[in-house]
Amino acid sequence: MNTTVNELVSKLFIEEWSKEIFYDRYFVQCEPTICSYSYIDNANPLYVATMLLGLYGGLTVVLSWWCPLFIKLIRQLRIRHKRKQRIRVMPSIT
């Protein structure tokens, strides 16, 4: 009652804020049947270019680490396989 118009305007005509939040009342009153969210994003050429460069850079780093290890593993497996296939023929004495 004793509040001036200038004070009301500065407070956006809100004299007192209620700090109690009742989520259950909100959902009972609103009662949504379906909740969905959609987001439309048009990729611009700059975004596509930086994404491709990032993928290329990531692939080069990962492959430069893993390819030498993978090649060493294949060589070791080949050597083991060749050793197992080697058949020793011993002359028999009769």
PDB file of N, CA and C in Angstrom:
ATOM      1  N   MET A   1       0.812  -1.197   0.000  1.00  0.00           N
ATOM      2  CA  MET A   1       0.000   0.000   0.000  1.00  0.00           C
ATOM      3  C   MET A   1       0.859   1.265   0.000  1.00  0.00           C
ATOM      4  N   ASN A   2       1.943   1.251   0.733  1.00  0.00           N
ATOM      5  CA  ASN A   2       2.778   2.450   0.850  1.00  0.00           C
ATOM      6  C   ASN A   2       3.885   2.491  -0.210  1.00  0.00           C
ATOM      7  N   THR A   3       3.869   1.580  -1.184  1.00  0.00           N
ATOM      8  CA  THR A   3       4.909   1.520  -2.203  1.00  0.00           C
ATOM      9  C   THR A   3       4.613   2.547  -3.286  1.00  0.00           C
ATOM     10  N   THR A   4       5.644   3.288  -3.687  1.00  0.00           N
ATOM     11  CA  THR A   4       5.444   4.291  -4.739  1.00  0.00           C
ATOM     12  C   THR A   4       5.485   3.620  -6.106  1.00  0.00           C
ATOM     13  N   VAL A   5       4.976   4.317  -7.104  1.00  0.00           N
ATOM     14  CA  VAL A   5       4.950   3.787  -8.472  1.00  0.00           C
ATOM     15  C   VAL A   5       6.366   3.609  -8.993  1.00  0.00           C
ATOM     16  N   ASN A   6       7.252   4.496  -8.639  1.00  0.00           N
ATOM     17  CA  ASN A   6       8.637   4.408  -9.079  1.00  0.00           C
ATOM     18  C   ASN A   6       9.287   3.130  -8.544  1.00  0.00           C
ATOM     19  N   GLU A   7       9.019   2.780  -7.312  1.00  0.00           N
ATOM     20  CA  GLU A   7       9.562   1.555  -6.722  1.00  0.00           C
ATOM     21  C   GLU A   7       8.964   0.326  -7.419  1.00  0.00           C
ATOM     22  N   LEU A   8       7.673   0.370  -7.715  1.00  0.00           N
ATOM     23  CA  LEU A   8       7.027  -0.753  -8.408  1.00  0.00           C
ATOM     24  C   LEU A   8       7.621  -0.960  -9.800  1.00  0.00           C
ATOM     25  N   VAL A   9       7.867   0.125 -10.510  1.00  0.00           N
ATOM     26  CA  VAL A   9       8.461   0.017 -11.847  1.00  0.00           C
ATOM     27  C   VAL A   9       9.875  -0.547 -11.754  1.00  0.00           C
ATOM     28  N   SER A  10      10.647  -0.115 -10.781  1.00  0.00           N
ATOM     29  CA  SER A  10      12.024  -0.607 -10.656  1.00  0.00           C
ATOM     30  C   SER A  10      12.055  -2.089 -10.282  1.00  0.00           C
ATOM     31  N   LYS A  11      11.007  -2.557  -9.598  1.00  0.00           N
ATOM     32  CA  LYS A  11      10.929  -3.975  -9.223  1.00  0.00           C
ATOM     33  C   LYS A  11      10.049  -4.770 -10.184  1.00  0.00           C
ATOM     34  N   LEU A  12       9.711  -4.173 -11.321  1.00  0.00           N
ATOM     35  CA  LEU A  12       8.885  -4.802 -12.349  1.00  0.00           C
ATOM     36  C   LEU A  12       7.514  -5.210 -11.807  1.00  0.00           C
ATOM     37  N   PHE A  13       6.972  -4.397 -10.953  1.00  0.00           N
ATOM     38  CA  PHE A  13       5.654  -4.580 -10.349  1.00  0.00           C
ATOM     39  C   PHE A  13       5.549  -5.862  -9.531  1.00  0.00           C
ATOM     40  N   ILE A  14       6.679  -6.346  -9.037  1.00  0.00           N
ATOM     41  CA  ILE A  14       6.678  -7.524  -8.174  1.00  0.00           C
ATOM     42  C   ILE A  14       7.095  -7.065  -6.788  1.00  0.00           C
ATOM     43  N   GLU A  15       6.188  -7.184  -5.861  1.00  0.00           N
ATOM     44  CA  GLU A  15       6.481  -6.733  -4.506  1.00  0.00           C
ATOM     45  C   GLU A  15       7.211  -7.784  -3.693  1.00  0.00           C
ATOM     46  N   GLU A  16       6.902  -9.051  -3.912  1.00  0.00           N
ATOM     47  CA  GLU A  16       7.530 -10.102  -3.125  1.00  0.00           C
ATOM     48  C   GLU A  16       7.672 -11.364  -3.975  1.00  0.00           C
ATOM     49  N   TRP A  17       8.860 -11.966  -3.953  1.00  0.00           N
ATOM     50  CA  TRP A  17       9.113 -13.207  -4.682  1.00  0.00           C
ATOM     51  C   TRP A  17       8.777 -14.394  -3.794  1.00  0.00           C
ATOM     52  N   SER A  18       8.096 -15.344  -4.352  1.00  0.00           N
ATOM     53  CA  SER A  18       7.828 -16.586  -3.636  1.00  0.00           C
ATOM     54  C   SER A  18       8.952 -17.557  -3.961  1.00  0.00           C
ATOM     55  N   LYS A  19       9.625 -18.054  -2.940  1.00  0.00           N
ATOM     56  CA  LYS A  19      10.789 -18.906  -3.164  1.00  0.00           C
ATOM     57  C   LYS A  19      10.477 -20.377  -3.032  1.00  0.00           C
ATOM     58  N   GLU A  20       9.235 -20.719  -2.864  1.00  0.00           N
ATOM     59  CA  GLU A  20       8.859 -22.123  -2.759  1.00  0.00           C
ATOM     60  C   GLU A  20       8.538 -22.660  -4.150  1.00  0.00           C
ATOM     61  N   ILE A  21       9.118 -23.800  -4.464  1.00  0.00           N
ATOM     62  CA  ILE A  21       8.907 -24.421  -5.771  1.00  0.00           C
ATOM     63  C   ILE A  21       8.171 -25.736  -5.564  1.00  0.00           C
ATOM     64  N   PHE A  22       7.051 -25.891  -6.261  1.00  0.00           N
ATOM     65  CA  PHE A  22       6.249 -27.102  -6.150  1.00  0.00           C
ATOM     66  C   PHE A  22       6.208 -27.806  -7.507  1.00  0.00           C
ATOM     67  N   TYR A  23       7.171 -28.704  -7.736  1.00  0.00           N
ATOM     68  CA  TYR A  23       7.216 -29.416  -9.005  1.00  0.00           C
ATOM     69  C   TYR A  23       6.033 -30.358  -9.166  1.00  0.00           C
ATOM     70  N   ASP A  24       5.611 -30.982  -8.091  1.00  0.00           N
ATOM     71  CA  ASP A  24       4.500 -31.925  -8.195  1.00  0.00           C
ATOM     72  C   ASP A  24       3.217 -31.213  -8.613  1.00  0.00           C
ATOM     73  N   ARG A  25       2.976 -30.031  -8.074  1.00  0.00           N
ATOM     74  CA  ARG A  25       1.791 -29.267  -8.480  1.00  0.00           C
ATOM     75  C   ARG A  25       1.865 -28.864  -9.950  1.00  0.00           C
ATOM     76  N   TYR A  26       3.070 -28.486 -10.386  1.00  0.00           N
ATOM     77  CA  TYR A  26       3.244 -28.084 -11.777  1.00  0.00           C
ATOM     78  C   TYR A  26       2.911 -29.240 -12.713  1.00  0.00           C
ATOM     79  N   PHE A  27       3.445 -30.414 -12.443  1.00  0.00           N
ATOM     80  CA  PHE A  27       3.226 -31.544 -13.337  1.00  0.00           C
ATOM     81  C   PHE A  27       1.795 -32.070 -13.258  1.00  0.00           C
ATOM     82  N   VAL A  28       1.160 -31.937 -12.110  1.00  0.00           N
ATOM     83  CA  VAL A  28      -0.242 -32.337 -12.011  1.00  0.00           C
ATOM     84  C   VAL A  28      -1.107 -31.376 -12.820  1.00  0.00           C
ATOM     85  N   GLN A  29      -0.790 -30.096 -12.744  1.00  0.00           N
ATOM     86  CA  GLN A  29      -1.579 -29.096 -13.455  1.00  0.00           C
ATOM     87  C   GLN A  29      -1.285 -29.139 -14.955  1.00  0.00           C
ATOM     88  N   CYS A  30      -0.047 -29.270 -15.320  1.00  0.00           N
ATOM     89  CA  CYS A  30       0.345 -29.272 -16.730  1.00  0.00           C
ATOM     90  C   CYS A  30       0.007 -30.608 -17.377  1.00  0.00           C
ATOM     91  N   GLU A  31       0.406 -31.682 -16.762  1.00  0.00           N
ATOM     92  CA  GLU A  31       0.156 -33.049 -17.194  1.00  0.00           C
ATOM     93  C   GLU A  31       0.428 -33.276 -18.691  1.00  0.00           C
ATOM     94  N   PRO A  32       1.681 -33.170 -19.101  1.00  0.00           N
ATOM     95  CA  PRO A  32       1.990 -33.369 -20.517  1.00  0.00           C
ATOM     96  C   PRO A  32       1.832 -34.836 -20.915  1.00  0.00           C
ATOM     97  N   THR A  33       1.282 -35.083 -22.102  1.00  0.00           N
ATOM     98  CA  THR A  33       1.131 -36.459 -22.589  1.00  0.00           C
ATOM     99  C   THR A  33       2.367 -36.892 -23.360  1.00  0.00           C
ATOM    100  N   ILE A  34       2.959 -35.971 -24.083  1.00  0.00           N
ATOM    101  CA  ILE A  34       4.163 -36.281 -24.866  1.00  0.00           C
ATOM    102  C   ILE A  34       5.170 -35.151 -24.660  1.00  0.00           C
ATOM    103  N   CYS A  35       6.403 -35.539 -24.486  1.00  0.00           N
ATOM    104  CA  CYS A  35       7.479 -34.559 -24.361  1.00  0.00           C
ATOM    105  C   CYS A  35       8.504 -34.859 -25.444  1.00  0.00           C
ATOM    106  N   SER A  36       8.784 -33.890 -26.288  1.00  0.00           N
ATOM    107  CA  SER A  36       9.760 -34.112 -27.359  1.00  0.00           C
ATOM    108  C   SER A  36      10.659 -32.891 -27.489  1.00  0.00           C
ATOM    109  N   TYR A  37      11.790 -33.141 -28.102  1.00  0.00           N
ATOM    110  CA  TYR A  37      12.784 -32.086 -28.293  1.00  0.00           C
ATOM    111  C   TYR A  37      13.366 -32.242 -29.677  1.00  0.00           C
ATOM    112  N   SER A  38      13.434 -31.177 -30.414  1.00  0.00           N
ATOM    113  CA  SER A  38      14.039 -31.242 -31.752  1.00  0.00           C
ATOM    114  C   SER A  38      14.997 -30.074 -31.915  1.00  0.00           C
ATOM    115  N   TYR A  39      16.024 -30.336 -32.690  1.00  0.00           N
ATOM    116  CA  TYR A  39      17.059 -29.333 -32.899  1.00  0.00           C
ATOM    117  C   TYR A  39      17.467 -29.390 -34.349  1.00  0.00           C
ATOM    118  N   ILE A  40      17.357 -28.295 -35.043  1.00  0.00           N
ATOM    119  CA  ILE A  40      17.711 -28.226 -36.466  1.00  0.00           C
ATOM    120  C   ILE A  40      18.978 -27.402 -36.581  1.00  0.00           C
ATOM    121  N   ASP A  41      19.980 -28.010 -37.181  1.00  0.00           N
ATOM    122  CA  ASP A  41      21.257 -27.326 -37.353  1.00  0.00           C
ATOM    123  C   ASP A  41      21.707 -27.488 -38.793  1.00  0.00           C
ATOM    124  N   ASN A  42      21.894 -26.396 -39.459  1.00  0.00           N
ATOM    125  CA  ASN A  42      22.412 -26.435 -40.821  1.00  0.00           C
ATOM    126  C   ASN A  42      23.921 -26.263 -40.755  1.00  0.00           C
ATOM    127  N   ALA A  43      24.641 -27.251 -41.242  1.00  0.00           N
ATOM    128  CA  ALA A  43      26.099 -27.210 -41.192  1.00  0.00           C
ATOM    129  C   ALA A  43      26.603 -26.248 -42.267  1.00  0.00           C
ATOM    130  N   ASN A  44      27.367 -25.267 -41.852  1.00  0.00           N
ATOM    131  CA  ASN A  44      27.945 -24.347 -42.825  1.00  0.00           C
ATOM    132  C   ASN A  44      29.262 -24.904 -43.337  1.00  0.00           C
ATOM    133  N   PRO A  45      29.755 -24.416 -44.460  1.00  0.00           N
ATOM    134  CA  PRO A  45      30.989 -24.972 -45.054  1.00  0.00           C
ATOM    135  C   PRO A  45      32.206 -24.885 -44.134  1.00  0.00           C
ATOM    136  N   LEU A  46      32.303 -23.841 -43.339  1.00  0.00           N
ATOM    137  CA  LEU A  46      33.451 -23.711 -42.432  1.00  0.00           C
ATOM    138  C   LEU A  46      33.430 -24.818 -41.381  1.00  0.00           C
ATOM    139  N   TYR A  47      32.264 -25.120 -40.843  1.00  0.00           N
ATOM    140  CA  TYR A  47      32.132 -26.192 -39.854  1.00  0.00           C
ATOM    141  C   TYR A  47      32.499 -27.544 -40.470  1.00  0.00           C
ATOM    142  N   VAL A  48      32.021 -27.799 -41.681  1.00  0.00           N
ATOM    143  CA  VAL A  48      32.319 -29.066 -42.354  1.00  0.00           C
ATOM    144  C   VAL A  48      33.814 -29.189 -42.612  1.00  0.00           C
ATOM    145  N   ALA A  49      34.451 -28.101 -43.068  1.00  0.00           N
ATOM    146  CA  ALA A  49      35.884 -28.138 -43.358  1.00  0.00           C
ATOM    147  C   ALA A  49      36.701 -28.394 -42.094  1.00  0.00           C
ATOM    148  N   THR A  50      36.364 -27.721 -41.002  1.00  0.00           N
ATOM    149  CA  THR A  50      37.125 -27.938 -39.770  1.00  0.00           C
ATOM    150  C   THR A  50      36.882 -29.335 -39.209  1.00  0.00           C
ATOM    151  N   MET A  51      35.678 -29.861 -39.387  1.00  0.00           N
ATOM    152  CA  MET A  51      35.394 -31.222 -38.922  1.00  0.00           C
ATOM    153  C   MET A  51      36.222 -32.238 -39.718  1.00  0.00           C
ATOM    154  N   LEU A  52      36.284 -32.075 -41.024  1.00  0.00           N
ATOM    155  CA  LEU A  52      37.070 -32.998 -41.848  1.00  0.00           C
ATOM    156  C   LEU A  52      38.560 -32.900 -41.535  1.00  0.00           C
ATOM    157  N   LEU A  53      39.057 -31.690 -41.338  1.00  0.00           N
ATOM    158  CA  LEU A  53      40.471 -31.538 -40.983  1.00  0.00           C
ATOM    159  C   LEU A  53      40.759 -32.157 -39.616  1.00  0.00           C
ATOM    160  N   GLY A  54      39.850 -32.017 -38.686  1.00  0.00           N
ATOM    161  CA  GLY A  54      40.034 -32.641 -37.375  1.00  0.00           C
ATOM    162  C   GLY A  54      40.049 -34.149 -37.461  1.00  0.00           C
ATOM    163  N   LEU A  55      39.137 -34.717 -38.246  1.00  0.00           N
ATOM    164  CA  LEU A  55      39.124 -36.172 -38.429  1.00  0.00           C
ATOM    165  C   LEU A  55      40.412 -36.652 -39.094  1.00  0.00           C
ATOM    166  N   TYR A  56      40.868 -35.914 -40.105  1.00  0.00           N
ATOM    167  CA  TYR A  56      42.106 -36.293 -40.788  1.00  0.00           C
ATOM    168  C   TYR A  56      43.291 -36.241 -39.818  1.00  0.00           C
ATOM    169  N   GLY A  57      43.368 -35.177 -39.021  1.00  0.00           N
ATOM    170  CA  GLY A  57      44.469 -35.050 -38.059  1.00  0.00           C
ATOM    171  C   GLY A  57      44.428 -36.149 -37.016  1.00  0.00           C
ATOM    172  N   GLY A  58      43.239 -36.463 -36.523  1.00  0.00           N
ATOM    173  CA  GLY A  58      43.111 -37.531 -35.536  1.00  0.00           C
ATOM    174  C   GLY A  58      43.492 -38.879 -36.102  1.00  0.00           C
ATOM    175  N   LEU A  59      43.064 -39.146 -37.333  1.00  0.00           N
ATOM    176  CA  LEU A  59      43.415 -40.422 -37.969  1.00  0.00           C
ATOM    177  C   LEU A  59      44.909 -40.544 -38.206  1.00  0.00           C
ATOM    178  N   THR A  60      45.552 -39.461 -38.631  1.00  0.00           N
ATOM    179  CA  THR A  60      46.997 -39.550 -38.874  1.00  0.00           C
ATOM    180  C   THR A  60      47.754 -39.817 -37.583  1.00  0.00           C
ATOM    181  N   VAL A  61      47.337 -39.207 -36.490  1.00  0.00           N
ATOM    182  CA  VAL A  61      48.020 -39.436 -35.213  1.00  0.00           C
ATOM    183  C   VAL A  61      47.820 -40.880 -34.759  1.00  0.00           C
ATOM    184  N   VAL A  62      46.588 -41.348 -34.794  1.00  0.00           N
ATOM    185  CA  VAL A  62      46.291 -42.702 -34.326  1.00  0.00           C
ATOM    186  C   VAL A  62      46.977 -43.743 -35.210  1.00  0.00           C
ATOM    187  N   LEU A  63      46.894 -43.561 -36.506  1.00  0.00           N
ATOM    188  CA  LEU A  63      47.506 -44.545 -37.401  1.00  0.00           C
ATOM    189  C   LEU A  63      49.030 -44.517 -37.333  1.00  0.00           C
ATOM    190  N   SER A  64      49.619 -43.353 -37.067  1.00  0.00           N
ATOM    191  CA  SER A  64      51.083 -43.313 -36.941  1.00  0.00           C
ATOM    192  C   SER A  64      51.546 -44.044 -35.688  1.00  0.00           C
ATOM    193  N   TRP A  65      50.684 -44.179 -34.681  1.00  0.00           N
ATOM    194  CA  TRP A  65      51.032 -44.954 -33.488  1.00  0.00           C
ATOM    195  C   TRP A  65      50.782 -46.435 -33.699  1.00  0.00           C
ATOM    196  N   TRP A  66      49.638 -46.783 -34.277  1.00  0.00           N
ATOM    197  CA  TRP A  66      49.210 -48.169 -34.321  1.00  0.00           C
ATOM    198  C   TRP A  66      49.749 -48.960 -35.502  1.00  0.00           C
ATOM    199  N   CYS A  67      49.980 -48.323 -36.641  1.00  0.00           N
ATOM    200  CA  CYS A  67      50.448 -49.070 -37.823  1.00  0.00           C
ATOM    201  C   CYS A  67      51.795 -49.746 -37.602  1.00  0.00           C
ATOM    202  N   PRO A  68      52.813 -49.073 -37.073  1.00  0.00           N
ATOM    203  CA  PRO A  68      54.079 -49.780 -36.846  1.00  0.00           C
ATOM    204  C   PRO A  68      53.939 -50.967 -35.879  1.00  0.00           C
ATOM    205  N   LEU A  69      53.130 -50.793 -34.837  1.00  0.00           N
ATOM    206  CA  LEU A  69      52.919 -51.898 -33.900  1.00  0.00           C
ATOM    207  C   LEU A  69      52.186 -53.055 -34.575  1.00  0.00           C
ATOM    208  N   PHE A  70      51.209 -52.739 -35.384  1.00  0.00           N
ATOM    209  CA  PHE A  70      50.448 -53.761 -36.095  1.00  0.00           C
ATOM    210  C   PHE A  70      51.323 -54.520 -37.088  1.00  0.00           C
ATOM    211  N   ILE A  71      52.196 -53.809 -37.786  1.00  0.00           N
ATOM    212  CA  ILE A  71      53.104 -54.456 -38.751  1.00  0.00           C
ATOM    213  C   ILE A  71      54.097 -55.354 -38.017  1.00  0.00           C
ATOM    214  N   LYS A  72      54.640 -54.917 -36.885  1.00  0.00           N
ATOM    215  CA  LYS A  72      55.548 -55.760 -36.103  1.00  0.00           C
ATOM    216  C   LYS A  72      54.852 -57.030 -35.635  1.00  0.00           C
ATOM    217  N   LEU A  73      53.607 -56.910 -35.197  1.00  0.00           N
ATOM    218  CA  LEU A  73      52.843 -58.064 -34.752  1.00  0.00           C
ATOM    219  C   LEU A  73      52.635 -59.048 -35.892  1.00  0.00           C
ATOM    220  N   ILE A  74      52.293 -58.550 -37.062  1.00  0.00           N
ATOM    221  CA  ILE A  74      52.094 -59.435 -38.220  1.00  0.00           C
ATOM    222  C   ILE A  74      53.394 -60.140 -38.584  1.00  0.00           C
ATOM    223  N   ARG A  75      54.529 -59.421 -38.556  1.00  0.00           N
ATOM    224  CA  ARG A  75      55.820 -60.043 -38.871  1.00  0.00           C
ATOM    225  C   ARG A  75      56.157 -61.149 -37.867  1.00  0.00           C
ATOM    226  N   GLN A  76      55.923 -60.884 -36.596  1.00  0.00           N
ATOM    227  CA  GLN A  76      56.215 -61.899 -35.581  1.00  0.00           C
ATOM    228  C   GLN A  76      55.329 -63.128 -35.761  1.00  0.00           C
ATOM    229  N   LEU A  77      54.077 -62.927 -36.075  1.00  0.00           N
ATOM    230  CA  LEU A  77      53.184 -64.061 -36.304  1.00  0.00           C
ATOM    231  C   LEU A  77      53.610 -64.860 -37.537  1.00  0.00           C
ATOM    232  N   ARG A  78      54.051 -64.171 -38.569  1.00  0.00           N
ATOM    233  CA  ARG A  78      54.529 -64.871 -39.780  1.00  0.00           C
ATOM    234  C   ARG A  78      55.767 -65.704 -39.479  1.00  0.00           C
ATOM    235  N   ILE A  79      56.691 -65.127 -38.713  1.00  0.00           N
ATOM    236  CA  ILE A  79      57.927 -65.848 -38.375  1.00  0.00           C
ATOM    237  C   ILE A  79      57.600 -67.088 -37.549  1.00  0.00           C
ATOM    238  N   ARG A  80      56.702 -66.954 -36.575  1.00  0.00           N
ATOM    239  CA  ARG A  80      56.307 -68.109 -35.768  1.00  0.00           C
ATOM    240  C   ARG A  80      55.621 -69.172 -36.620  1.00  0.00           C
ATOM    241  N   HIS A  81      54.794 -68.734 -37.543  1.00  0.00           N
ATOM    242  CA  HIS A  81      54.090 -69.672 -38.416  1.00  0.00           C
ATOM    243  C   HIS A  81      55.081 -70.425 -39.308  1.00  0.00           C
ATOM    244  N   LYS A  82      56.073 -69.719 -39.836  1.00  0.00           N
ATOM    245  CA  LYS A  82      57.082 -70.370 -40.686  1.00  0.00           C
ATOM    246  C   LYS A  82      57.908 -71.369 -39.878  1.00  0.00           C
ATOM    247  N   ARG A  83      58.234 -71.049 -38.641  1.00  0.00           N
ATOM    248  CA  ARG A  83      59.011 -71.968 -37.805  1.00  0.00           C
ATOM    249  C   ARG A  83      58.224 -73.250 -37.532  1.00  0.00           C
ATOM    250  N   LYS A  84      56.928 -73.120 -37.326  1.00  0.00           N
ATOM    251  CA  LYS A  84      56.113 -74.301 -37.068  1.00  0.00           C
ATOM    252  C   LYS A  84      55.982 -75.175 -38.319  1.00  0.00           C
ATOM    253  N   GLN A  85      55.979 -74.554 -39.492  1.00  0.00           N
ATOM    254  CA  GLN A  85      55.810 -75.314 -40.725  1.00  0.00           C
ATOM    255  C   GLN A  85      57.092 -76.020 -41.157  1.00  0.00           C
ATOM    256  N   ARG A  86      58.203 -75.568 -40.653  1.00  0.00           N
ATOM    257  CA  ARG A  86      59.480 -76.151 -41.044  1.00  0.00           C
ATOM    258  C   ARG A  86      59.549 -77.587 -40.547  1.00  0.00           C
ATOM    259  N   ILE A  87      59.736 -78.508 -41.440  1.00  0.00           N
ATOM    260  CA  ILE A  87      59.814 -79.926 -41.081  1.00  0.00           C
ATOM    261  C   ILE A  87      61.270 -80.355 -41.196  1.00  0.00           C
ATOM    262  N   ARG A  88      61.753 -80.936 -40.138  1.00  0.00           N
ATOM    263  CA  ARG A  88      63.139 -81.410 -40.155  1.00  0.00           C
ATOM    264  C   ARG A  88      63.143 -82.877 -40.566  1.00  0.00           C
ATOM    265  N   VAL A  89      63.910 -83.131 -41.557  1.00  0.00           N
ATOM    266  CA  VAL A  89      64.026 -84.519 -42.025  1.00  0.00           C
ATOM    267  C   VAL A  89      65.356 -85.052 -41.499  1.00  0.00           C
ATOM    268  N   MET A  90      65.268 -86.113 -40.728  1.00  0.00           N
ATOM    269  CA  MET A  90      66.455 -86.732 -40.166  1.00  0.00           C
ATOM    270  C   MET A  90      66.727 -88.013 -40.946  1.00  0.00           C
ATOM    271  N   PRO A  91      67.953 -88.209 -41.355  1.00  0.00           N
ATOM    272  CA  PRO A  91      68.257 -89.449 -42.072  1.00  0.00           C
ATOM    273  C   PRO A  91      68.135 -90.642 -41.135  1.00  0.00           C
ATOM    274  N   SER A  92      67.537 -91.657 -41.627  1.00  0.00           N
ATOM    275  CA  SER A  92      67.365 -92.845 -40.792  1.00  0.00           C
ATOM    276  C   SER A  92      68.502 -93.821 -41.097  1.00  0.00           C
ATOM    277  N   ILE A  93      69.017 -94.426 -40.048  1.00  0.00           N
ATOM    278  CA  ILE A  93      70.092 -95.386 -40.197  1.00  0.00           C
ATOM    279  C   ILE A  93      69.481 -96.771 -40.066  1.00  0.00           C
ATOM    280  N   THR A  94      69.652 -97.547 -41.094  1.00  0.00           N
ATOM    281  CA  THR A  94      69.146 -98.897 -41.058  1.00  0.00           C
ATOM    282  C   THR A  94      70.251 -99.912 -41.143  1.00  0.00           C
TER     283      THR A  94
END
